[in-house]
Amino acid sequence: QVSQELFSSYQIDAGTRLLLKIAASNEINKVLDIGCGYGPLGLAFAAANPHRQVHLVDRDALAVEFTRANAELNGLKNVTAYGSLGYDDVPDKDFDLILSNIPGKAGRPAIESMLLDAQYILAPQGIAAVVVVTPLAETVSEIIDRPDVELLLREEGSEHVVFHYHFLPGDESGSVGRASLRAKLASTTKQVESAFQRGVYDRGQMDVAYRGLKFSMQTVRGLPEFDKLSHQTELLLAALEKVQSSGKNAQHTLVFNPGQGHAPVALWKRLAPETMTLVDRDLLSLRASERNLLATGRPPENLSLLHHASLDLAEDLPPPDLILGVLRDSEG
């Protein structure tokens, strides 16, 4: 089952086919598929060996839902699918293999994180196998050209290049040795070590001034409205101003598709509702919006993030007095 909203829904793309060549290896017992889409890569590895443990993650909740549906469709019981922004939400480690079909528009900081942060959750002899479009091959080569990385395979297709590599033991005495870094990260919280908190996705600052509202935003790559408000958001904020002037009750609120967080921040500054729920299929949007809300002084209490592809609400949340959001044209 596929969705035209997800990558390569018309057929399995050539890059994925190149990565599938190692699916039958009996030495691979624990697999992580980063950016799984509707699941063709990770589910193939699960189907090739029912004794494998396969994790499939994606920042898009729609991708996670389709992956789960396809695992059930194929009777695969050795699959766990869940939302994660890169490696940030992967709770397990000691993977024998990490797979990724890296998006061509991810940006160098995100690509570097995808390539190098694998070392912290790979098993000691674990392998990372990635595929990129040919124009990105030189960037990948530069990033993994390090003393602690050994390139095991480089295979070129007509439009894609596959890299297999693993990490060598670091110098225990050096401040940047792999062992030292792993020990340091193990002693810190998940929030501190996450790529999002390290600023991997950050793009820059944006100041918003609209109809008496003024606030600053930290924008991220991969989301629109990083330098100015869209016309849709301006219309939404104008409607929000009318709600404020009407005096209607809006203590329990829900914002869908919050993007960079402009609408949630405006909502907080206009109405200061008691509860705020943000719903989006994109985990990056939820994290960016939450950060911008907290930066404006919104307390974290009664602020909920729902990584959903629909407006399904948790049962413990109050029904909203006000729902606002921008519809995505692409979703039909």
Protein backbone atom coordinates (compact mmCIF):
# COMPACT_ATOMS: atom_id res chain seq x y z
CA GLN A 1 0.00 0.00 0.00
CA VAL A 2 1.43 3.35 -1.04
CA SER A 3 0.57 7.03 -0.83
CA GLN A 4 1.38 9.61 -3.47
CA GLU A 5 2.25 11.92 -0.55
CA LEU A 6 5.31 9.73 0.18
CA PHE A 7 8.55 9.37 -1.77
CA SER A 8 8.60 7.15 -4.86
CA SER A 9 5.05 5.80 -4.62
CA TYR A 10 4.92 4.73 -8.25
CA GLN A 11 7.74 2.15 -7.95
CA ILE A 12 10.69 1.16 -5.77
CA ASP A 13 13.35 3.74 -6.65
CA ALA A 14 16.75 2.76 -8.04
CA GLY A 15 18.61 3.86 -4.91
CA THR A 16 16.55 1.55 -2.71
CA ARG A 17 17.16 -1.31 -5.13
CA LEU A 18 20.91 -0.83 -4.75
CA LEU A 19 20.64 -1.05 -0.96
CA LEU A 20 18.46 -4.17 -1.15
CA LYS A 21 21.38 -6.22 -2.46
CA ILE A 22 22.54 -7.03 1.08
CA ALA A 23 19.10 -7.96 2.42
CA ALA A 24 19.78 -11.71 2.37
CA SER A 25 22.95 -11.60 4.50
CA ASN A 26 22.61 -14.00 7.43
CA GLU A 27 25.04 -12.00 9.58
CA ILE A 28 22.58 -9.14 10.04
CA ASN A 29 20.29 -9.62 13.05
CA LYS A 30 19.28 -6.11 14.09
CA VAL A 31 18.43 -3.42 11.52
CA LEU A 32 17.46 0.26 11.64
CA ASP A 33 15.87 1.91 8.58
CA ILE A 34 16.07 5.72 8.91
CA GLY A 35 13.54 7.62 6.78
CA CYS A 36 11.57 4.49 5.95
CA GLY A 37 8.82 6.03 3.81
CA TYR A 38 6.10 3.42 3.26
CA GLY A 39 8.61 0.71 4.21
CA PRO A 40 10.08 -1.01 1.12
CA LEU A 41 13.65 -1.13 2.41
CA GLY A 42 13.23 -2.15 6.04
CA LEU A 43 10.30 -4.49 5.33
CA ALA A 44 12.37 -6.32 2.70
CA PHE A 45 15.08 -6.92 5.31
CA ALA A 46 12.43 -8.16 7.74
CA ALA A 47 10.91 -10.49 5.13
CA ALA A 48 14.30 -11.93 4.19
CA ASN A 49 14.88 -13.23 7.73
CA PRO A 50 11.98 -13.59 10.21
CA HIS A 51 14.45 -13.82 13.11
CA ARG A 52 15.74 -10.30 12.52
CA GLN A 53 14.67 -7.37 14.63
CA VAL A 54 13.93 -4.44 12.31
CA HIS A 55 13.19 -0.86 13.38
CA LEU A 56 11.69 1.50 10.78
CA VAL A 57 11.49 5.20 11.62
CA ASP A 58 10.45 8.37 9.84
CA ARG A 59 9.75 11.97 10.81
CA ASP A 60 6.50 11.76 8.81
CA ALA A 61 3.62 10.14 10.72
CA LEU A 62 1.95 9.21 7.42
CA ALA A 63 5.02 7.17 6.51
CA VAL A 64 4.90 5.40 9.87
CA GLU A 65 1.22 4.55 9.39
CA PHE A 66 1.82 3.12 5.90
CA THR A 67 4.83 1.14 7.13
CA ARG A 68 2.76 -0.42 9.90
CA ALA A 69 -0.03 -1.23 7.45
CA ASN A 70 2.43 -2.83 5.02
CA ALA A 71 4.05 -4.88 7.79
CA GLU A 72 0.61 -6.21 8.69
CA LEU A 73 -0.28 -6.75 5.02
CA ASN A 74 2.80 -8.98 4.64
CA GLY A 75 2.40 -10.75 7.99
CA LEU A 76 5.72 -9.44 9.34
CA LYS A 77 5.93 -9.78 13.13
CA ASN A 78 9.59 -8.75 13.51
CA VAL A 79 8.99 -5.06 12.75
CA THR A 80 8.75 -1.97 14.95
CA ALA A 81 7.75 1.29 13.25
CA TYR A 82 7.66 4.67 14.99
CA GLY A 83 8.32 8.36 14.50
CA SER A 84 11.81 9.77 14.89
CA LEU A 85 13.60 12.92 13.78
CA GLY A 86 16.77 11.31 12.48
CA TYR A 87 18.23 9.28 15.34
CA ASP A 88 16.79 11.58 18.02
CA ASP A 89 13.91 9.31 19.04
CA VAL A 90 15.51 5.88 18.54
CA PRO A 91 15.54 4.31 22.02
CA ASP A 92 17.61 1.22 21.11
CA LYS A 93 21.24 0.66 20.10
CA ASP A 94 23.72 -2.04 19.02
CA PHE A 95 22.30 -2.29 15.50
CA ASP A 96 24.19 -4.55 13.10
CA LEU A 97 23.05 -2.44 10.15
CA ILE A 98 21.72 1.08 9.72
CA LEU A 99 20.10 1.85 6.36
CA SER A 100 19.15 5.17 4.83
CA ASN A 101 18.11 6.48 1.46
CA ILE A 102 19.24 10.03 2.24
CA PRO A 103 17.00 12.77 0.77
CA GLY A 104 18.70 14.93 -1.81
CA LYS A 105 17.46 18.18 -0.23
CA ALA A 106 18.34 17.36 3.38
CA GLY A 107 21.15 19.94 3.59
CA ARG A 108 24.76 19.29 4.61
CA PRO A 109 24.33 19.57 8.43
CA ALA A 110 21.50 17.00 8.42
CA ILE A 111 23.41 14.71 6.05
CA GLU A 112 26.48 14.91 8.28
CA SER A 113 24.37 14.01 11.30
CA MET A 114 22.80 11.06 9.46
CA LEU A 115 26.19 9.74 8.44
CA LEU A 116 28.24 10.25 11.61
CA ASP A 117 25.73 9.97 14.46
CA ALA A 118 25.17 6.36 13.43
CA GLN A 119 28.30 5.47 15.41
CA TYR A 120 26.53 5.98 18.74
CA ILE A 121 23.91 3.28 18.15
CA LEU A 122 25.77 0.80 15.94
CA ALA A 123 27.14 -2.43 17.39
CA PRO A 124 30.98 -2.50 17.59
CA GLN A 125 31.19 -4.24 14.19
CA GLY A 126 28.03 -2.65 12.82
CA ILE A 127 27.78 -1.21 9.32
CA ALA A 128 26.03 1.87 7.96
CA ALA A 129 24.75 1.54 4.39
CA VAL A 130 23.43 4.66 2.67
CA VAL A 131 22.46 5.67 -0.83
CA VAL A 132 22.44 9.19 -2.27
CA VAL A 133 21.81 10.76 -5.64
CA THR A 134 25.03 11.13 -7.62
CA PRO A 135 25.40 14.93 -7.10
CA LEU A 136 25.65 14.30 -3.34
CA ALA A 137 28.28 11.56 -3.59
CA GLU A 138 31.21 13.96 -3.24
CA THR A 139 29.67 15.50 -0.12
CA VAL A 140 29.26 12.07 1.47
CA SER A 141 32.86 11.16 0.58
CA GLU A 142 34.13 14.35 2.25
CA ILE A 143 32.10 13.78 5.42
CA ILE A 144 33.19 10.17 5.99
CA ASP A 145 36.81 10.82 5.03
CA ARG A 146 37.94 10.56 8.66
CA PRO A 147 40.54 8.49 10.56
CA ASP A 148 37.81 6.72 12.55
CA VAL A 149 35.74 5.70 9.50
CA GLU A 150 36.56 2.85 7.13
CA LEU A 151 34.87 2.78 3.73
CA LEU A 152 33.90 -0.80 2.91
CA LEU A 153 32.08 -0.34 -0.39
CA ARG A 154 31.29 2.36 -2.91
CA GLU A 155 28.99 1.26 -5.72
CA GLU A 156 27.75 3.57 -8.44
CA GLY A 157 24.48 3.16 -10.28
CA SER A 158 23.20 5.25 -13.16
CA GLU A 159 21.91 8.02 -10.86
CA HIS A 160 22.81 6.89 -7.33
CA VAL A 161 25.86 5.94 -5.26
CA VAL A 162 25.85 3.46 -2.37
CA PHE A 163 28.31 3.67 0.52
CA HIS A 164 28.97 0.98 3.12
CA TYR A 165 31.20 2.04 6.01
CA HIS A 166 31.88 1.35 9.66
CA PHE A 167 33.54 3.12 12.57
CA LEU A 168 36.93 2.16 13.93
CA PRO A 169 37.68 2.21 17.68
CA GLY A 170 38.59 5.73 18.81
CA ASP A 171 41.67 6.84 20.69
CA GLU A 172 40.74 6.55 24.37
CA SER A 173 43.30 9.22 25.30
CA GLY A 174 42.03 11.80 22.77
CA SER A 175 39.31 14.26 23.59
CA VAL A 176 37.49 13.44 20.36
CA GLY A 177 37.97 9.67 20.45
CA ARG A 178 34.88 7.58 19.73
CA ALA A 179 35.00 5.84 23.11
CA SER A 180 35.26 9.18 24.90
CA LEU A 181 32.36 10.63 22.93
CA ARG A 182 30.18 7.60 23.60
CA ALA A 183 30.91 7.78 27.31
CA LYS A 184 30.12 11.50 27.34
CA LEU A 185 26.84 11.05 25.49
CA ALA A 186 25.85 8.12 27.68
CA SER A 187 26.13 10.35 30.73
CA THR A 188 23.90 13.11 29.31
CA THR A 189 20.18 13.30 28.69
CA LYS A 190 18.56 12.40 25.39
CA GLN A 191 17.51 16.03 24.94
CA VAL A 192 21.08 17.36 25.17
CA GLU A 193 22.48 14.87 22.70
CA SER A 194 19.75 15.16 20.09
CA ALA A 195 20.57 16.57 16.67
CA PHE A 196 17.66 19.01 16.98
CA GLN A 197 19.00 20.45 20.20
CA ARG A 198 22.49 20.70 18.68
CA GLY A 199 21.06 22.95 15.96
CA VAL A 200 21.52 20.54 13.05
CA TYR A 201 18.26 21.69 11.45
CA ASP A 202 18.53 25.40 12.33
CA ARG A 203 18.30 27.93 9.52
CA GLY A 204 18.26 31.36 11.19
CA GLN A 205 16.26 34.02 13.02
CA MET A 206 13.08 35.62 11.71
CA ASP A 207 11.30 38.65 13.16
CA VAL A 208 7.53 38.80 12.64
CA ALA A 209 5.51 42.00 12.76
CA TYR A 210 1.88 41.66 11.69
CA ARG A 211 -1.25 43.58 12.75
CA GLY A 212 0.18 44.66 16.09
CA LEU A 213 1.89 41.34 16.82
CA LYS A 214 5.66 41.25 17.18
CA PHE A 215 7.74 38.16 17.94
CA SER A 216 10.97 36.43 16.92
CA MET A 217 11.27 32.90 15.53
CA GLN A 218 14.09 30.39 15.23
CA THR A 219 13.50 28.81 11.81
CA VAL A 220 14.61 25.40 10.58
CA ARG A 221 15.56 23.95 7.22
CA GLY A 222 13.03 21.79 5.46
CA LEU A 223 9.97 23.87 6.37
CA PRO A 224 8.48 26.85 4.49
CA GLU A 225 8.02 30.39 5.87
CA PHE A 226 11.62 30.71 7.03
CA ASP A 227 11.91 34.37 5.94
CA LYS A 228 8.35 35.71 5.68
CA LEU A 229 4.77 34.73 6.42
CA SER A 230 2.75 33.07 3.69
CA HIS A 231 -0.52 34.66 2.59
CA GLN A 232 -2.39 31.70 4.14
CA THR A 233 -0.79 32.30 7.53
CA GLU A 234 -1.52 36.03 7.32
CA LEU A 235 -5.19 35.23 6.70
CA LEU A 236 -5.13 32.83 9.65
CA LEU A 237 -3.64 35.46 11.97
CA ALA A 238 -6.25 37.99 10.80
CA ALA A 239 -8.99 35.49 11.68
CA LEU A 240 -7.34 34.92 15.07
CA GLU A 241 -7.51 38.67 15.72
CA LYS A 242 -11.28 38.54 15.08
CA VAL A 243 -11.64 35.69 17.56
CA GLN A 244 -9.81 37.77 20.16
CA SER A 245 -12.01 40.81 19.58
CA SER A 246 -15.19 38.71 19.77
CA GLY A 247 -14.43 37.69 23.33
CA LYS A 248 -15.36 34.06 22.64
CA ASN A 249 -14.02 31.38 24.97
CA ALA A 250 -10.80 29.80 23.67
CA GLN A 251 -9.11 28.23 26.67
CA HIS A 252 -8.58 24.83 25.03
CA THR A 253 -6.99 25.13 21.59
CA LEU A 254 -5.62 22.95 18.81
CA VAL A 255 -3.30 23.97 15.98
CA PHE A 256 -2.77 21.63 13.03
CA ASN A 257 0.10 21.87 10.56
CA PRO A 258 1.90 24.52 12.67
CA GLY A 259 4.94 24.74 10.37
CA GLN A 260 7.70 26.84 11.91
CA GLY A 261 5.30 27.78 14.71
CA HIS A 262 3.96 31.18 13.59
CA ALA A 263 0.29 30.34 14.28
CA PRO A 264 0.88 28.75 17.73
CA VAL A 265 3.03 31.69 18.85
CA ALA A 266 0.43 34.21 17.61
CA LEU A 267 -2.30 32.21 19.35
CA TRP A 268 -0.39 32.28 22.63
CA LYS A 269 0.32 36.00 22.40
CA ARG A 270 -3.28 36.86 21.42
CA LEU A 271 -5.28 34.59 23.74
CA ALA A 272 -2.89 32.85 26.20
CA PRO A 273 -5.08 29.71 26.23
CA GLU A 274 -4.93 27.29 29.15
CA THR A 275 -4.17 24.26 26.96
CA MET A 276 -2.52 24.07 23.56
CA THR A 277 -2.29 20.97 21.38
CA LEU A 278 -0.16 20.88 18.24
CA VAL A 279 -0.89 18.21 15.63
CA ASP A 280 1.29 17.51 12.62
CA ARG A 281 2.52 14.56 10.62
CA ASP A 282 5.97 16.23 10.47
CA LEU A 283 7.97 15.75 13.68
CA LEU A 284 10.35 18.58 12.72
CA SER A 285 7.42 21.01 12.59
CA LEU A 286 6.27 19.94 16.06
CA ARG A 287 9.73 20.34 17.57
CA ALA A 288 10.32 23.73 15.92
CA SER A 289 6.90 25.03 16.98
CA GLU A 290 7.36 23.82 20.55
CA ARG A 291 10.76 25.53 20.82
CA ASN A 292 9.40 28.82 19.49
CA LEU A 293 6.43 28.68 21.84
CA LEU A 294 8.60 28.07 24.90
CA ALA A 295 10.92 30.89 23.82
CA THR A 296 7.99 33.34 23.97
CA GLY A 297 7.28 32.43 27.59
CA ARG A 298 4.59 29.78 27.07
CA PRO A 299 4.98 27.34 30.02
CA PRO A 300 5.44 23.67 29.05
CA GLU A 301 2.49 22.58 31.19
CA ASN A 302 -0.64 21.73 29.22
CA LEU A 303 1.26 21.88 25.92
CA SER A 304 0.81 18.64 23.96
CA LEU A 305 2.47 17.50 20.73
CA LEU A 306 0.65 14.86 18.67
CA HIS A 307 2.63 13.25 15.84
CA HIS A 308 -0.38 12.20 13.78
CA ALA A 309 -1.40 12.25 10.13
CA SER A 310 -4.95 13.20 11.14
CA LEU A 311 -6.73 15.20 13.86
CA ASP A 312 -7.20 12.22 16.19
CA LEU A 313 -6.92 13.54 19.73
CA ALA A 314 -5.73 11.73 22.82
CA GLU A 315 -8.60 10.78 25.12
CA ASP A 316 -7.11 12.66 28.07
CA LEU A 317 -7.12 16.01 26.23
CA PRO A 318 -10.07 18.39 26.61
CA PRO A 319 -12.13 19.02 23.46
CA PRO A 320 -10.90 22.27 21.91
CA ASP A 321 -12.85 25.53 21.91
CA LEU A 322 -10.78 26.69 18.95
CA ILE A 323 -9.10 24.79 16.10
CA LEU A 324 -6.89 26.59 13.62
CA GLY A 325 -4.44 25.60 10.94
CA VAL A 326 -3.41 25.84 7.31
CA LEU A 327 -4.50 23.10 4.92
CA ARG A 328 -1.76 21.59 2.75
CA ASP A 329 -2.63 21.90 -0.94
CA SER A 330 -0.69 18.74 -1.74
CA GLU A 331 -2.88 16.51 0.43
CA GLY A 332 -5.91 16.77 -1.81
